[in-house]
């Protein structure tokens, strides 16, 4: 059980024993782990956790990236879960596939029935403040 360090991505640091227990019971979906109380993502040196109750808005973001390999051009889809917290902080978490993003949104909603799921331009002003245009 040693070797794992945890840090709160937002909000206040929680009781380490509760976080650790939730981490080891969490279900991995791609590179994110979904526990009973927190979702976890691997940071550079620690696992970052977010309390589901701190999340007010979550949506899936899809980026189409064009890359060149020699003379050929290929499109690459990048899927992310975008999380907005009570503190008006937006966190983007890269996920491997659309299925992982959809399952992640479903799990977040299971643990926080008050979270707003899905992107709409009007929600940026509501959750991030006026004049916000950072999708």
N, C-alpha and C. Protein backbone atom coordinates (compact mmCIF):
# COMPACT_ATOMS: atom_id res chain seq x y z
N UNK A 1 0.81 -1.18 0.00
CA UNK A 1 0.00 0.00 0.00
C UNK A 1 0.86 1.25 0.00
N UNK A 2 2.10 1.13 0.32
CA UNK A 2 3.00 2.28 0.28
C UNK A 2 3.35 2.57 -1.17
N UNK A 3 3.90 3.75 -1.41
CA UNK A 3 4.31 4.11 -2.75
C UNK A 3 3.30 4.95 -3.49
N UNK A 4 2.08 5.04 -2.99
CA UNK A 4 1.06 5.87 -3.62
C UNK A 4 0.92 7.15 -2.80
N UNK A 5 1.05 8.28 -3.49
CA UNK A 5 0.84 9.57 -2.83
C UNK A 5 -0.36 10.23 -3.48
N UNK A 6 -1.10 11.02 -2.69
CA UNK A 6 -2.33 11.63 -3.17
C UNK A 6 -2.31 13.13 -2.89
N UNK A 7 -2.96 13.88 -3.78
CA UNK A 7 -3.11 15.32 -3.61
C UNK A 7 -4.47 15.72 -4.15
N UNK A 8 -5.09 16.66 -3.47
CA UNK A 8 -6.39 17.17 -3.93
C UNK A 8 -6.16 18.04 -5.16
N UNK A 9 -6.89 17.77 -6.23
CA UNK A 9 -6.78 18.60 -7.44
C UNK A 9 -7.43 19.96 -7.19
N UNK A 10 -8.48 19.98 -6.40
CA UNK A 10 -9.17 21.21 -6.00
C UNK A 10 -9.68 21.03 -4.59
N UNK A 11 -10.07 22.12 -3.96
CA UNK A 11 -10.67 22.02 -2.64
C UNK A 11 -9.66 21.69 -1.56
N UNK A 12 -10.17 21.23 -0.46
CA UNK A 12 -9.35 20.92 0.71
C UNK A 12 -8.87 19.48 0.67
N UNK A 13 -7.71 19.26 1.25
CA UNK A 13 -7.16 17.91 1.36
C UNK A 13 -8.08 17.09 2.27
N UNK A 14 -8.37 15.88 1.87
CA UNK A 14 -9.25 15.00 2.63
C UNK A 14 -8.42 14.06 3.50
N UNK A 15 -9.08 13.35 4.39
CA UNK A 15 -8.43 12.38 5.26
C UNK A 15 -7.73 11.32 4.40
N UNK A 16 -6.43 11.21 4.56
CA UNK A 16 -5.60 10.32 3.73
C UNK A 16 -6.07 8.87 3.78
N UNK A 17 -6.50 8.40 4.94
CA UNK A 17 -6.93 7.00 5.04
C UNK A 17 -8.21 6.75 4.24
N UNK A 18 -9.11 7.72 4.21
CA UNK A 18 -10.35 7.59 3.42
C UNK A 18 -10.02 7.62 1.93
N UNK A 19 -9.14 8.54 1.53
CA UNK A 19 -8.74 8.65 0.13
C UNK A 19 -8.07 7.36 -0.33
N UNK A 20 -7.14 6.87 0.47
CA UNK A 20 -6.40 5.65 0.13
C UNK A 20 -7.35 4.44 0.00
N UNK A 21 -8.28 4.31 0.93
CA UNK A 21 -9.23 3.20 0.88
C UNK A 21 -10.10 3.30 -0.38
N UNK A 22 -10.56 4.52 -0.69
CA UNK A 22 -11.39 4.72 -1.88
C UNK A 22 -10.59 4.44 -3.16
N UNK A 23 -9.33 4.80 -3.17
CA UNK A 23 -8.47 4.57 -4.33
C UNK A 23 -8.34 3.08 -4.64
N UNK A 24 -8.07 2.29 -3.62
CA UNK A 24 -7.84 0.86 -3.83
C UNK A 24 -9.14 0.10 -4.16
N UNK A 25 -10.29 0.68 -3.80
CA UNK A 25 -11.57 0.06 -4.16
C UNK A 25 -12.12 0.61 -5.48
N UNK A 26 -11.46 1.63 -6.03
CA UNK A 26 -11.95 2.32 -7.24
C UNK A 26 -11.88 1.43 -8.47
N UNK A 27 -12.79 1.69 -9.41
CA UNK A 27 -12.83 0.96 -10.69
C UNK A 27 -12.06 1.76 -11.73
N UNK A 28 -11.03 1.15 -12.32
CA UNK A 28 -10.32 1.86 -13.40
C UNK A 28 -11.11 1.82 -14.71
N UNK A 29 -11.19 2.97 -15.34
CA UNK A 29 -11.76 3.10 -16.68
C UNK A 29 -10.73 3.88 -17.48
N UNK A 30 -9.97 3.16 -18.28
CA UNK A 30 -8.86 3.82 -18.97
C UNK A 30 -7.84 4.29 -17.95
N UNK A 31 -7.47 5.56 -18.02
CA UNK A 31 -6.45 6.09 -17.12
C UNK A 31 -7.03 6.82 -15.90
N UNK A 32 -8.33 6.70 -15.69
CA UNK A 32 -8.98 7.32 -14.54
C UNK A 32 -9.56 6.22 -13.66
N UNK A 33 -9.51 6.43 -12.35
CA UNK A 33 -10.10 5.50 -11.40
C UNK A 33 -11.29 6.18 -10.74
N UNK A 34 -12.42 5.48 -10.67
CA UNK A 34 -13.64 6.04 -10.09
C UNK A 34 -13.95 5.29 -8.81
N UNK A 35 -13.83 6.01 -7.69
CA UNK A 35 -14.14 5.43 -6.40
C UNK A 35 -15.54 5.80 -5.96
N UNK A 36 -15.86 5.51 -4.72
CA UNK A 36 -17.17 5.82 -4.17
C UNK A 36 -17.31 7.32 -3.91
N UNK A 37 -16.21 7.98 -3.49
CA UNK A 37 -16.26 9.39 -3.11
C UNK A 37 -15.43 10.30 -4.01
N UNK A 38 -14.42 9.72 -4.67
CA UNK A 38 -13.48 10.53 -5.44
C UNK A 38 -13.19 9.88 -6.79
N UNK A 39 -12.81 10.73 -7.76
CA UNK A 39 -12.25 10.22 -9.00
C UNK A 39 -10.77 10.57 -8.97
N UNK A 40 -9.95 9.68 -9.52
CA UNK A 40 -8.50 9.81 -9.44
C UNK A 40 -7.89 9.85 -10.83
N UNK A 41 -6.90 10.73 -11.00
CA UNK A 41 -6.12 10.74 -12.23
C UNK A 41 -4.65 10.80 -11.85
N UNK A 42 -3.83 10.15 -12.66
CA UNK A 42 -2.40 10.10 -12.39
C UNK A 42 -1.78 11.45 -12.72
N UNK A 43 -1.13 12.05 -11.75
CA UNK A 43 -0.39 13.28 -11.96
C UNK A 43 1.07 12.94 -12.24
N UNK A 44 1.92 13.93 -12.21
CA UNK A 44 3.33 13.71 -12.48
C UNK A 44 3.97 12.87 -11.38
N UNK A 45 3.72 13.23 -10.13
CA UNK A 45 4.34 12.49 -9.02
C UNK A 45 3.33 11.89 -8.06
N UNK A 46 2.05 12.29 -8.17
CA UNK A 46 1.02 11.83 -7.24
C UNK A 46 -0.26 11.55 -8.00
N UNK A 47 -1.15 10.81 -7.35
CA UNK A 47 -2.50 10.65 -7.86
C UNK A 47 -3.30 11.85 -7.39
N UNK A 48 -3.96 12.54 -8.32
CA UNK A 48 -4.80 13.68 -7.99
C UNK A 48 -6.23 13.19 -7.84
N UNK A 49 -6.93 13.68 -6.85
CA UNK A 49 -8.31 13.26 -6.65
C UNK A 49 -9.23 14.46 -6.60
N UNK A 50 -10.47 14.22 -7.03
CA UNK A 50 -11.52 15.24 -7.02
C UNK A 50 -12.72 14.63 -6.33
N UNK A 51 -13.23 15.31 -5.35
CA UNK A 51 -14.46 14.89 -4.66
C UNK A 51 -15.62 15.10 -5.62
N UNK A 52 -16.44 14.08 -5.83
CA UNK A 52 -17.59 14.21 -6.74
C UNK A 52 -18.48 15.39 -6.36
N UNK A 53 -18.59 15.68 -5.07
CA UNK A 53 -19.45 16.77 -4.61
C UNK A 53 -18.92 18.15 -4.98
N UNK A 54 -17.65 18.24 -5.37
CA UNK A 54 -17.07 19.51 -5.82
C UNK A 54 -17.35 19.79 -7.29
N UNK A 55 -17.85 18.80 -8.02
CA UNK A 55 -18.08 18.94 -9.46
C UNK A 55 -19.48 19.50 -9.70
N UNK A 56 -19.56 20.60 -10.47
CA UNK A 56 -20.86 21.18 -10.80
C UNK A 56 -21.24 20.94 -12.26
N UNK A 57 -20.24 20.74 -13.13
CA UNK A 57 -20.50 20.58 -14.56
C UNK A 57 -19.44 19.65 -15.14
N UNK A 58 -19.85 18.75 -15.99
CA UNK A 58 -18.91 17.84 -16.65
C UNK A 58 -19.40 17.58 -18.08
N UNK A 59 -18.45 17.52 -19.00
CA UNK A 59 -18.80 17.24 -20.39
C UNK A 59 -17.63 16.59 -21.11
N UNK A 60 -17.94 16.01 -22.27
CA UNK A 60 -16.91 15.37 -23.10
C UNK A 60 -16.46 16.37 -24.15
N UNK A 61 -15.17 16.43 -24.34
CA UNK A 61 -14.60 17.31 -25.36
C UNK A 61 -13.88 16.44 -26.39
N UNK A 62 -14.13 16.72 -27.65
CA UNK A 62 -13.50 16.00 -28.74
C UNK A 62 -12.71 16.98 -29.58
N UNK A 63 -11.44 16.69 -29.80
CA UNK A 63 -10.60 17.51 -30.66
C UNK A 63 -10.14 16.66 -31.83
N UNK A 64 -10.20 17.24 -33.00
CA UNK A 64 -9.71 16.57 -34.20
C UNK A 64 -8.37 17.21 -34.54
N UNK A 65 -7.31 16.44 -34.42
CA UNK A 65 -5.96 16.93 -34.66
C UNK A 65 -5.45 16.34 -35.96
N UNK A 66 -4.99 17.20 -36.84
CA UNK A 66 -4.41 16.75 -38.11
C UNK A 66 -2.91 16.63 -37.93
N UNK A 67 -2.37 15.51 -38.32
CA UNK A 67 -0.92 15.32 -38.23
C UNK A 67 -0.39 14.86 -39.58
N UNK A 68 0.85 15.19 -39.84
CA UNK A 68 1.47 14.78 -41.09
C UNK A 68 2.55 13.75 -40.80
N UNK A 69 2.51 12.71 -41.58
CA UNK A 69 3.52 11.67 -41.48
C UNK A 69 4.04 11.48 -42.90
N UNK A 70 5.18 12.08 -43.17
CA UNK A 70 5.70 12.06 -44.54
C UNK A 70 4.79 12.89 -45.42
N UNK A 71 4.28 12.29 -46.47
CA UNK A 71 3.39 12.99 -47.40
C UNK A 71 1.92 12.80 -47.07
N UNK A 72 1.63 11.94 -46.12
CA UNK A 72 0.25 11.65 -45.77
C UNK A 72 -0.20 12.52 -44.59
N UNK A 73 -1.47 12.86 -44.60
CA UNK A 73 -2.08 13.58 -43.49
C UNK A 73 -3.11 12.67 -42.85
N UNK A 74 -3.04 12.58 -41.56
CA UNK A 74 -3.98 11.71 -40.84
C UNK A 74 -4.69 12.51 -39.76
N UNK A 75 -5.94 12.18 -39.53
CA UNK A 75 -6.70 12.81 -38.46
C UNK A 75 -6.64 11.97 -37.20
N UNK A 76 -6.52 12.63 -36.09
CA UNK A 76 -6.44 11.95 -34.81
C UNK A 76 -7.47 12.58 -33.89
N UNK A 77 -8.30 11.77 -33.27
CA UNK A 77 -9.30 12.27 -32.33
C UNK A 77 -8.76 12.17 -30.91
N UNK A 78 -8.83 13.28 -30.18
CA UNK A 78 -8.44 13.32 -28.78
C UNK A 78 -9.70 13.54 -27.94
N UNK A 79 -9.96 12.62 -27.03
CA UNK A 79 -11.13 12.70 -26.16
C UNK A 79 -10.70 13.16 -24.77
N UNK A 80 -11.47 14.06 -24.19
CA UNK A 80 -11.19 14.55 -22.85
C UNK A 80 -12.48 14.64 -22.05
N UNK A 81 -12.34 14.46 -20.75
CA UNK A 81 -13.42 14.77 -19.82
C UNK A 81 -13.10 16.16 -19.28
N UNK A 82 -14.05 17.04 -19.37
CA UNK A 82 -13.87 18.38 -18.83
C UNK A 82 -14.71 18.48 -17.56
N UNK A 83 -14.07 18.88 -16.49
CA UNK A 83 -14.70 18.96 -15.18
C UNK A 83 -14.64 20.42 -14.73
N UNK A 84 -15.77 20.96 -14.26
CA UNK A 84 -15.79 22.30 -13.69
C UNK A 84 -16.25 22.16 -12.25
N UNK A 85 -15.52 22.81 -11.35
CA UNK A 85 -15.78 22.67 -9.92
C UNK A 85 -16.52 23.88 -9.36
N UNK A 86 -16.95 23.75 -8.12
CA UNK A 86 -17.61 24.83 -7.40
C UNK A 86 -16.75 26.08 -7.36
N UNK A 87 -15.44 25.89 -7.36
CA UNK A 87 -14.49 27.01 -7.31
C UNK A 87 -14.25 27.64 -8.67
N UNK A 88 -15.04 27.22 -9.68
CA UNK A 88 -14.96 27.72 -11.06
C UNK A 88 -13.62 27.36 -11.71
N UNK A 89 -13.11 26.22 -11.35
CA UNK A 89 -11.88 25.72 -11.95
C UNK A 89 -12.24 24.66 -12.98
N UNK A 90 -11.68 24.79 -14.18
CA UNK A 90 -11.93 23.80 -15.24
C UNK A 90 -10.71 22.89 -15.33
N UNK A 91 -10.97 21.59 -15.31
CA UNK A 91 -9.91 20.59 -15.37
C UNK A 91 -10.18 19.69 -16.55
N UNK A 92 -9.22 19.54 -17.43
CA UNK A 92 -9.33 18.64 -18.57
C UNK A 92 -8.54 17.37 -18.30
N UNK A 93 -9.18 16.24 -18.49
CA UNK A 93 -8.53 14.95 -18.27
C UNK A 93 -8.60 14.16 -19.57
N UNK A 94 -7.46 13.85 -20.12
CA UNK A 94 -7.41 13.08 -21.35
C UNK A 94 -7.85 11.65 -21.09
N UNK A 95 -8.73 11.14 -21.97
CA UNK A 95 -9.17 9.75 -21.90
C UNK A 95 -8.89 9.11 -23.25
N UNK A 96 -8.80 7.82 -23.30
CA UNK A 96 -8.37 7.15 -24.52
C UNK A 96 -9.44 7.06 -25.60
N UNK A 97 -10.71 7.07 -25.21
CA UNK A 97 -11.74 6.81 -26.20
C UNK A 97 -13.05 7.49 -25.82
N UNK A 98 -13.96 7.54 -26.78
CA UNK A 98 -15.29 8.08 -26.54
C UNK A 98 -16.01 7.24 -25.48
N UNK A 99 -15.84 5.92 -25.55
CA UNK A 99 -16.49 5.04 -24.58
C UNK A 99 -16.04 5.35 -23.15
N UNK A 100 -14.74 5.59 -22.96
CA UNK A 100 -14.23 5.92 -21.63
C UNK A 100 -14.80 7.26 -21.14
N UNK A 101 -14.94 8.22 -22.05
CA UNK A 101 -15.50 9.51 -21.68
C UNK A 101 -16.96 9.38 -21.28
N UNK A 102 -17.73 8.65 -22.06
CA UNK A 102 -19.16 8.45 -21.77
C UNK A 102 -19.34 7.70 -20.45
N UNK A 103 -18.55 6.66 -20.25
CA UNK A 103 -18.66 5.92 -18.99
C UNK A 103 -18.24 6.80 -17.81
N UNK A 104 -17.23 7.62 -18.00
CA UNK A 104 -16.80 8.54 -16.95
C UNK A 104 -17.89 9.51 -16.56
N UNK A 105 -18.58 10.09 -17.55
CA UNK A 105 -19.68 11.01 -17.26
C UNK A 105 -20.80 10.29 -16.52
N UNK A 106 -21.07 9.06 -16.92
CA UNK A 106 -22.10 8.26 -16.25
C UNK A 106 -21.72 8.02 -14.79
N UNK A 107 -20.48 7.67 -14.53
CA UNK A 107 -20.03 7.40 -13.16
C UNK A 107 -20.06 8.67 -12.31
N UNK A 108 -19.67 9.80 -12.88
CA UNK A 108 -19.73 11.07 -12.14
C UNK A 108 -21.17 11.36 -11.75
N UNK A 109 -22.09 11.18 -12.68
CA UNK A 109 -23.50 11.45 -12.39
C UNK A 109 -24.07 10.46 -11.37
N UNK A 110 -23.60 9.23 -11.37
CA UNK A 110 -24.04 8.26 -10.36
C UNK A 110 -23.68 8.73 -8.96
N UNK A 111 -22.52 9.36 -8.81
CA UNK A 111 -22.04 9.75 -7.49
C UNK A 111 -22.41 11.18 -7.10
N UNK A 112 -22.90 11.97 -8.07
CA UNK A 112 -23.34 13.33 -7.79
C UNK A 112 -24.55 13.62 -8.68
N UNK A 113 -25.73 13.42 -8.15
CA UNK A 113 -26.95 13.57 -8.95
C UNK A 113 -27.22 15.03 -9.33
N UNK A 114 -26.52 15.98 -8.71
CA UNK A 114 -26.73 17.39 -8.99
C UNK A 114 -25.81 17.94 -10.08
N UNK A 115 -24.86 17.13 -10.55
CA UNK A 115 -23.93 17.61 -11.57
C UNK A 115 -24.66 17.82 -12.89
N UNK A 116 -24.28 18.87 -13.60
CA UNK A 116 -24.85 19.18 -14.92
C UNK A 116 -23.95 18.49 -15.96
N UNK A 117 -24.52 17.62 -16.77
CA UNK A 117 -23.76 16.84 -17.74
C UNK A 117 -24.05 17.36 -19.15
N UNK A 118 -23.00 17.56 -19.94
CA UNK A 118 -23.16 17.93 -21.34
C UNK A 118 -22.77 19.37 -21.60
N UNK A 119 -22.19 19.61 -22.77
CA UNK A 119 -21.73 20.95 -23.12
C UNK A 119 -22.84 21.76 -23.79
N UNK A 120 -22.95 23.00 -23.37
CA UNK A 120 -23.76 24.01 -24.04
C UNK A 120 -23.06 25.34 -23.77
N UNK A 121 -22.97 26.18 -24.77
CA UNK A 121 -22.26 27.46 -24.65
C UNK A 121 -22.77 28.28 -23.47
N UNK A 122 -24.08 28.25 -23.24
CA UNK A 122 -24.68 29.04 -22.17
C UNK A 122 -24.17 28.61 -20.79
N UNK A 123 -23.77 27.36 -20.67
CA UNK A 123 -23.31 26.84 -19.37
C UNK A 123 -21.97 27.44 -18.96
N UNK A 124 -21.17 27.88 -19.93
CA UNK A 124 -19.88 28.50 -19.57
C UNK A 124 -20.08 29.72 -18.69
N UNK A 125 -21.01 30.58 -19.08
CA UNK A 125 -21.29 31.76 -18.26
C UNK A 125 -21.85 31.40 -16.91
N UNK A 126 -22.69 30.40 -16.88
CA UNK A 126 -23.32 29.96 -15.63
C UNK A 126 -22.30 29.41 -14.65
N UNK A 127 -21.38 28.56 -15.13
CA UNK A 127 -20.46 27.86 -14.23
C UNK A 127 -19.07 28.48 -14.13
N UNK A 128 -18.68 29.27 -15.12
CA UNK A 128 -17.33 29.85 -15.11
C UNK A 128 -17.32 31.36 -15.01
N UNK A 129 -18.47 31.98 -15.14
CA UNK A 129 -18.55 33.43 -15.05
C UNK A 129 -18.69 34.07 -16.41
N UNK A 130 -19.09 35.35 -16.44
CA UNK A 130 -19.32 36.04 -17.71
C UNK A 130 -18.01 36.26 -18.47
N UNK A 131 -18.15 36.25 -19.80
CA UNK A 131 -16.99 36.50 -20.66
C UNK A 131 -16.06 35.33 -20.81
N UNK A 132 -16.46 34.17 -20.38
CA UNK A 132 -15.62 32.98 -20.47
C UNK A 132 -15.82 32.33 -21.83
N UNK A 133 -14.72 32.10 -22.52
CA UNK A 133 -14.79 31.42 -23.82
C UNK A 133 -13.57 30.53 -23.98
N UNK A 134 -13.47 29.53 -23.11
CA UNK A 134 -12.35 28.60 -23.15
C UNK A 134 -12.88 27.19 -23.19
N UNK A 135 -13.24 26.72 -24.31
CA UNK A 135 -13.79 25.38 -24.41
C UNK A 135 -12.68 24.41 -24.33
